[in-house]
Protein backbone atom coordinates (compact mmCIF):
# COMPACT_ATOMS: atom_id res chain seq x y z
CA MET A 1 0.00 0.00 0.00
CA ASN A 2 1.25 3.45 -0.85
CA LEU A 3 0.08 7.03 -0.50
CA ARG A 4 -0.99 7.25 -4.14
CA GLN A 5 -3.38 4.31 -3.72
CA ILE A 6 -4.90 5.97 -0.66
CA GLN A 7 -5.32 9.26 -2.53
CA TYR A 8 -6.93 7.46 -5.48
CA PHE A 9 -9.28 5.63 -3.11
CA ALA A 10 -10.27 8.85 -1.29
CA VAL A 11 -11.14 10.70 -4.52
CA LEU A 12 -13.14 7.74 -5.89
CA ALA A 13 -14.95 7.43 -2.54
CA GLU A 14 -16.06 11.07 -2.95
CA GLU A 15 -16.99 10.93 -6.62
CA LEU A 16 -18.32 7.35 -6.76
CA HIS A 17 -17.64 7.59 -10.50
CA PHE A 18 -14.46 6.32 -12.18
CA ARG A 19 -14.41 8.86 -15.02
CA ARG A 20 -14.93 11.89 -12.78
CA ALA A 21 -12.43 10.59 -10.24
CA ALA A 22 -9.84 10.02 -12.97
CA GLU A 23 -10.38 13.56 -14.28
CA ARG A 24 -9.84 15.01 -10.81
CA LEU A 25 -6.66 12.99 -10.46
CA ALA A 26 -5.52 13.97 -14.00
CA ILE A 27 -5.09 10.32 -15.01
CA THR A 28 -6.96 7.86 -17.18
CA GLN A 29 -9.43 5.37 -15.78
CA ALA A 30 -7.14 2.36 -16.36
CA PRO A 31 -4.45 3.21 -13.74
CA LEU A 32 -7.20 4.20 -11.31
CA SER A 33 -8.88 0.81 -11.68
CA VAL A 34 -5.55 -0.99 -11.31
CA ALA A 35 -4.70 0.96 -8.13
CA ILE A 36 -8.09 0.22 -6.53
CA GLN A 37 -7.91 -3.48 -7.43
CA SER A 38 -4.39 -3.70 -5.98
CA LEU A 39 -5.55 -2.01 -2.79
CA GLU A 40 -8.49 -4.41 -2.45
CA ARG A 41 -6.24 -7.43 -2.94
CA GLU A 42 -3.85 -6.17 -0.26
CA LEU A 43 -6.69 -5.55 2.19
CA GLY A 44 -8.41 -8.80 1.30
CA THR A 45 -11.83 -7.22 0.84
CA MET A 46 -13.96 -5.34 -1.68
CA LEU A 47 -14.01 -1.60 -1.07
CA PHE A 48 -16.44 -0.69 -3.85
CA ARG A 49 -19.54 -2.37 -5.23
CA ARG A 50 -19.53 -1.83 -8.99
CA THR A 51 -22.41 -2.13 -11.41
CA GLN A 52 -22.92 -0.81 -14.92
CA ARG A 53 -24.93 2.10 -13.52
CA ARG A 54 -23.24 3.04 -10.26
CA VAL A 55 -20.30 2.65 -7.89
CA GLU A 56 -20.96 2.28 -4.16
CA LEU A 57 -18.80 1.92 -1.10
CA THR A 58 -19.09 -1.40 0.65
CA GLU A 59 -19.27 -1.57 4.42
CA MET A 60 -15.53 -2.27 4.47
CA GLY A 61 -15.03 0.61 2.04
CA MET A 62 -16.82 3.02 4.39
CA ALA A 63 -14.65 1.83 7.28
CA PHE A 64 -11.46 2.24 5.27
CA ARG A 65 -12.57 5.69 4.12
CA ARG A 66 -12.41 6.95 7.70
CA HIS A 67 -8.80 5.70 7.98
CA ALA A 68 -7.85 7.11 4.57
CA THR A 69 -9.27 10.54 5.47
CA GLU A 70 -7.33 10.58 8.74
CA ILE A 71 -4.10 9.55 6.99
CA LEU A 72 -4.41 12.26 4.35
CA GLU A 73 -5.31 14.91 6.92
CA ARG A 74 -2.25 14.00 8.98
CA ILE A 75 -0.04 14.21 5.94
CA ASN A 76 -1.47 17.58 4.94
CA PHE A 77 -1.02 18.85 8.48
CA GLY A 78 2.55 17.56 8.54
CA VAL A 79 3.38 19.29 5.26
CA SER A 80 1.81 22.53 6.48
CA ASP A 81 3.63 22.26 9.80
CA MET A 82 6.96 21.67 8.07
CA LYS A 83 6.39 24.69 5.85
CA GLU A 84 5.73 26.79 8.97
CA LEU A 85 8.93 25.47 10.55
CA VAL A 86 10.99 26.12 7.40
CA ALA A 87 9.56 29.64 7.17
CA GLY A 88 10.40 30.31 10.83
CA ASN A 89 6.75 30.74 11.81
CA ALA A 90 6.60 27.80 14.23
CA GLY A 91 8.83 25.69 16.45
CA ARG A 92 10.74 26.43 19.65
CA LEU A 93 13.15 29.22 20.53
CA ARG A 94 15.21 29.07 23.73
CA VAL A 95 16.62 32.46 24.75
CA GLY A 96 19.40 32.89 27.29
CA PHE A 97 19.71 36.16 29.20
CA THR A 98 21.74 37.64 32.02
CA SER A 99 19.97 38.59 35.25
CA ALA A 100 20.07 42.33 34.46
CA ALA A 101 18.78 41.96 30.88
CA PRO A 102 15.04 42.14 31.75
CA LEU A 103 15.66 45.63 33.14
CA LEU A 104 16.71 46.85 29.71
CA THR A 105 13.76 48.61 28.10
CA PHE A 106 14.28 46.87 24.79
CA PHE A 107 14.37 43.34 26.27
CA PRO A 108 10.72 42.93 27.35
CA ASN A 109 9.61 44.80 24.22
CA MET A 110 11.74 42.48 22.10
CA ILE A 111 10.26 39.32 23.63
CA ALA A 112 6.70 40.68 23.47
CA SER A 113 7.13 41.71 19.81
CA PHE A 114 8.50 38.31 18.86
CA CYS A 115 5.69 36.42 20.61
CA LEU A 116 3.10 38.67 18.96
CA ARG A 117 4.63 38.27 15.49
CA TYR A 118 5.21 34.50 15.84
CA PRO A 119 2.42 33.16 18.09
CA LYS A 120 3.06 29.55 17.04
CA VAL A 121 6.65 29.64 18.30
CA GLN A 122 7.20 28.35 21.83
CA VAL A 123 9.61 30.81 23.51
CA THR A 124 11.39 29.78 26.72
CA LEU A 125 13.73 32.08 28.68
CA HIS A 126 16.82 30.85 30.52
CA ASP A 127 18.55 33.01 33.17
CA LEU A 128 22.25 32.28 32.64
CA PRO A 129 25.55 34.11 33.25
CA SER A 130 27.40 35.16 30.11
CA ALA A 131 29.95 32.32 30.15
CA SER A 132 27.23 29.77 30.78
CA GLN A 133 25.33 31.01 27.74
CA ILE A 134 28.26 30.15 25.50
CA THR A 135 28.42 26.64 26.99
CA ALA A 136 24.65 26.26 26.63
CA LEU A 137 24.80 27.33 22.98
CA GLN A 138 27.52 24.81 22.21
CA ALA A 139 25.50 22.08 23.97
CA HIS A 140 22.35 23.06 22.02
CA GLU A 141 20.56 23.88 25.28
CA ILE A 142 19.67 27.40 24.11
CA ASP A 143 19.35 28.86 20.61
CA VAL A 144 20.27 32.52 21.19
CA GLY A 145 21.54 34.56 24.11
CA ILE A 146 21.75 38.14 25.38
CA MET A 147 25.06 38.44 27.24
CA ARG A 148 27.76 40.88 28.30
CA GLY A 149 31.44 40.98 27.55
CA THR A 150 34.31 43.03 26.21
CA GLY A 151 34.50 41.17 22.92
CA GLN A 152 37.75 39.46 23.89
CA GLY A 153 38.04 35.69 24.02
CA GLN A 154 35.28 35.02 21.51
CA VAL A 155 34.95 31.37 20.49
CA ALA A 156 34.96 30.34 16.86
CA ASP A 157 31.70 28.36 16.80
CA VAL A 158 29.60 31.24 18.17
CA ALA A 159 28.40 34.26 16.18
CA TYR A 160 28.53 37.54 18.14
CA THR A 161 26.46 40.62 17.28
CA ARG A 162 27.15 43.69 19.40
CA LEU A 163 23.88 45.39 20.33
CA PHE A 164 25.02 48.39 22.40
CA ARG A 165 27.63 49.69 24.83
CA ASP A 166 26.64 50.25 28.46
CA LYS A 167 28.37 52.51 30.98
CA LEU A 168 28.96 51.02 34.42
CA ILE A 169 27.87 53.00 37.47
CA VAL A 170 28.33 52.64 41.22
CA VAL A 171 25.52 52.22 43.74
CA MET A 172 25.95 52.93 47.45
CA ARG A 173 24.06 53.92 50.58
CA ASN A 174 23.27 57.63 50.58
CA ASP A 175 25.25 58.31 53.76
CA ASN A 176 28.49 57.06 52.21
CA PRO A 177 30.97 60.02 52.03
CA LEU A 178 31.49 59.31 48.33
CA ALA A 179 27.81 60.02 47.70
CA ALA A 180 28.56 63.73 48.03
CA LYS A 181 30.45 63.64 44.72
CA PRO A 182 28.42 63.80 41.49
CA GLU A 183 30.96 61.69 39.64
CA LEU A 184 33.63 59.19 40.70
CA SER A 185 36.45 57.21 39.22
CA LEU A 186 37.19 53.55 39.85
CA ALA A 187 40.34 54.62 41.69
CA ASP A 188 38.14 56.54 44.16
CA LEU A 189 36.69 53.19 45.24
CA ARG A 190 40.05 51.69 46.18
CA ASP A 191 39.40 51.74 49.95
CA GLU A 192 35.73 50.79 49.78
CA LYS A 193 34.14 47.48 50.71
CA PHE A 194 32.71 45.81 47.63
CA LEU A 195 29.60 43.79 46.97
CA PHE A 196 30.82 41.62 44.14
CA TYR A 197 30.22 38.70 41.80
CA PRO A 198 31.63 35.23 42.58
CA PRO A 199 34.90 34.79 40.65
CA ARG A 200 33.90 31.52 39.00
CA ALA A 201 30.28 32.38 38.24
CA GLY A 202 31.01 33.31 34.63
CA ILE A 203 29.52 36.81 35.02
CA GLY A 204 31.09 39.11 32.46
CA ILE A 205 30.98 42.29 34.56
CA GLY A 206 32.73 40.57 37.46
CA ASP A 207 35.63 39.43 35.29
CA LEU A 208 35.90 42.89 33.73
CA LEU A 209 35.93 44.66 37.12
CA ARG A 210 38.71 42.46 38.46
CA GLU A 211 40.81 43.33 35.41
CA LEU A 212 40.09 47.07 35.69
CA CYS A 213 40.86 47.17 39.42
CA ALA A 214 44.13 45.30 38.83
CA LYS A 215 44.96 47.80 36.10
CA ARG A 216 44.69 50.53 38.72
CA GLY A 217 46.88 48.66 41.17
CA PHE A 218 44.39 47.35 43.71
CA THR A 219 42.29 44.29 44.48
CA PRO A 220 38.70 45.01 45.53
CA ASN A 221 37.93 44.29 49.18
CA VAL A 222 34.98 41.95 48.67
CA VAL A 223 32.74 41.55 51.73
CA GLN A 224 29.80 39.82 50.04
CA GLU A 225 29.42 37.84 46.82
CA VAL A 226 26.12 37.83 44.92
CA ILE A 227 25.16 36.15 41.64
CA ASP A 228 21.99 38.14 41.00
CA THR A 229 23.02 41.56 39.70
CA SER A 230 19.83 43.32 40.78
CA ALA A 231 20.30 42.04 44.36
CA LEU A 232 23.46 44.14 44.59
CA VAL A 233 21.36 47.31 44.60
CA CYS A 234 19.29 46.06 47.52
CA LEU A 235 22.38 45.02 49.47
CA ALA A 236 24.00 48.42 48.86
CA ALA A 237 21.14 49.93 50.86
CA THR A 238 22.38 48.06 53.94
CA GLY A 239 25.65 49.98 53.90
CA MET A 240 27.64 46.74 53.81
CA GLY A 241 29.48 47.96 50.76
CA ILE A 242 29.26 49.50 47.32
CA ALA A 243 28.61 47.77 43.99
CA VAL A 244 29.48 48.51 40.38
CA VAL A 245 26.51 47.62 38.19
CA PRO A 246 25.12 48.19 34.68
CA SER A 247 23.50 51.60 34.26
CA GLU A 248 20.03 50.19 33.66
CA LEU A 249 19.86 49.00 37.27
CA GLN A 250 19.21 52.57 38.39
CA CYS A 251 15.56 51.92 37.53
CA ILE A 252 15.47 49.86 40.76
CA HIS A 253 14.34 52.34 43.40
CA VAL A 254 15.58 51.25 46.80
CA PRO A 255 15.34 53.70 49.72
CA ASN A 256 18.62 55.20 50.97
CA THR A 257 20.61 54.33 47.85
CA VAL A 258 22.22 56.59 45.25
CA PHE A 259 23.84 55.95 41.88
CA ARG A 260 26.95 57.77 40.68
CA THR A 261 28.59 57.77 37.28
CA LEU A 262 32.15 56.57 36.78
CA SER A 263 34.29 58.87 34.67
CA ASP A 264 36.71 56.15 33.48
CA GLU A 265 36.39 55.62 29.73
CA ASP A 266 36.97 51.88 30.09
CA MET A 267 34.13 51.42 32.60
CA VAL A 268 31.84 50.05 29.92
CA THR A 269 30.51 46.67 28.85
CA ASP A 270 29.14 45.53 25.52
CA VAL A 271 25.83 43.71 25.31
CA TRP A 272 25.87 40.98 22.68
CA LEU A 273 23.40 38.81 20.85
CA VAL A 274 24.97 35.37 20.46
CA ALA A 275 23.99 32.29 18.46
CA ARG A 276 25.68 29.23 17.01
CA ALA A 277 27.81 30.22 14.02
CA GLY A 278 26.58 29.11 10.63
CA GLU A 279 23.25 27.77 11.86
CA PRO A 280 20.69 28.39 9.06
CA SER A 281 17.70 28.67 11.37
CA PRO A 282 14.87 30.88 10.05
CA LEU A 283 13.68 31.30 13.65
CA ILE A 284 17.00 32.80 14.71
CA ALA A 285 17.00 35.05 11.65
CA ALA A 286 13.49 36.21 12.58
CA PHE A 287 14.59 36.83 16.16
CA ASN A 288 17.55 38.91 14.95
CA THR A 289 15.16 41.09 12.95
CA ILE A 290 12.92 41.62 15.98
CA VAL A 291 15.97 42.51 18.13
CA LYS A 292 17.12 45.16 15.66
CA GLY A 293 13.63 46.62 15.52
CA ALA A 294 13.39 46.76 19.31
CA LEU A 295 16.77 48.50 19.52
CA THR A 296 15.74 51.06 16.92
CA ALA A 297 12.57 51.83 18.86
CA TRP A 298 14.56 52.05 22.09
CA LYS A 299 16.94 54.64 20.65
CA LYS A 300 13.96 56.79 19.66
CA ASP A 301 12.26 56.49 23.03
CA ASP A 302 12.04 59.80 24.88
CA ALA A 303 12.29 57.92 28.15
CA GLN A 304 15.91 57.15 27.38
CA SER A 305 16.91 60.81 27.61
CA GLN A 306 15.12 61.09 30.97
CA PHE A 307 16.94 57.95 32.05
CA ALA A 308 20.26 59.53 31.10
CA SER A 309 19.62 62.75 33.00
CA THR A 310 19.38 60.96 36.36
CA VAL A 311 22.98 59.73 36.34
CA GLY A 312 24.87 61.95 33.97
CA PRO A 313 25.76 61.99 30.30
CA ASP A 314 24.86 59.03 28.09
CA PRO A 315 24.96 56.04 30.48
CA VAL A 316 23.70 53.63 27.84
CA THR A 317 24.88 54.11 24.29
CA PRO A 318 23.23 51.98 21.61
CA VAL A 319 25.66 51.41 18.78
CA ALA A 320 25.30 50.25 15.22
CA VAL A 321 24.57 46.54 15.28
CA GLU A 322 27.61 44.72 14.02
CA ALA A 323 28.33 41.03 13.71
CA SER A 324 31.70 39.43 14.33
């Protein structure tokens, strides 16, 4: 039994007329008759009752028609589903993100826009440090990621697209003597107690800060380690120490805390969109398009200028999207 026999049977079961069925199938009556006879021999039963005047389905023919209809519907659904998958309109997309990413204005807008544009795609979000996102990509545990880094140490099997450059700022309790200054440098923090990221957590900002402090000849005095970036703001309110965080975290309003800009030109991180290199996934291509659109809208948002005025000049600088 093959699909063509089932298709021939289904059309004849509708038409109950060999000539009309053959015309619908764009064949002659002879191959249609041969296909039906072969099908009946294989099933061991008559499917049609034939007379000179009419063609009727037998009881077995009516039973088989239900199966044939179901088979053809499944095949049509499968073909349609595959076309949706190939076009990037269906399937599953697993997105990695760092803990501070949801605080970026463009991030929730990006996810919402994608889900609205591709409602048949199952989107799952995975909270992962930057280094862990690379490992998860290589292990096919996520499909794309939003991570931070300086652009150094990129791996060959991952495609990196820089989305924007973000200034780092410092958060502290408002009674800290340094809070009296409108702007600080990293060197000004030399004698402070730090709330910091665990050294082996794979958090890009933590690795960068250790390098920048060493460049200025000191090792930060870490009194508390925290993985969740946003929790650093809350802990700063206790007065235990200060924390250097991405600029978007200033949207977290915690009583008795203040944010101050850092004047050092190298106190910046890049936010990257990462995916497996060379993977021809239409879903990932669609996601890239949505990301670029969300970034464009973000740059035009008036709220961004208000955001900048609270901490100083240009804390978050979207840049031209560039792949590497």
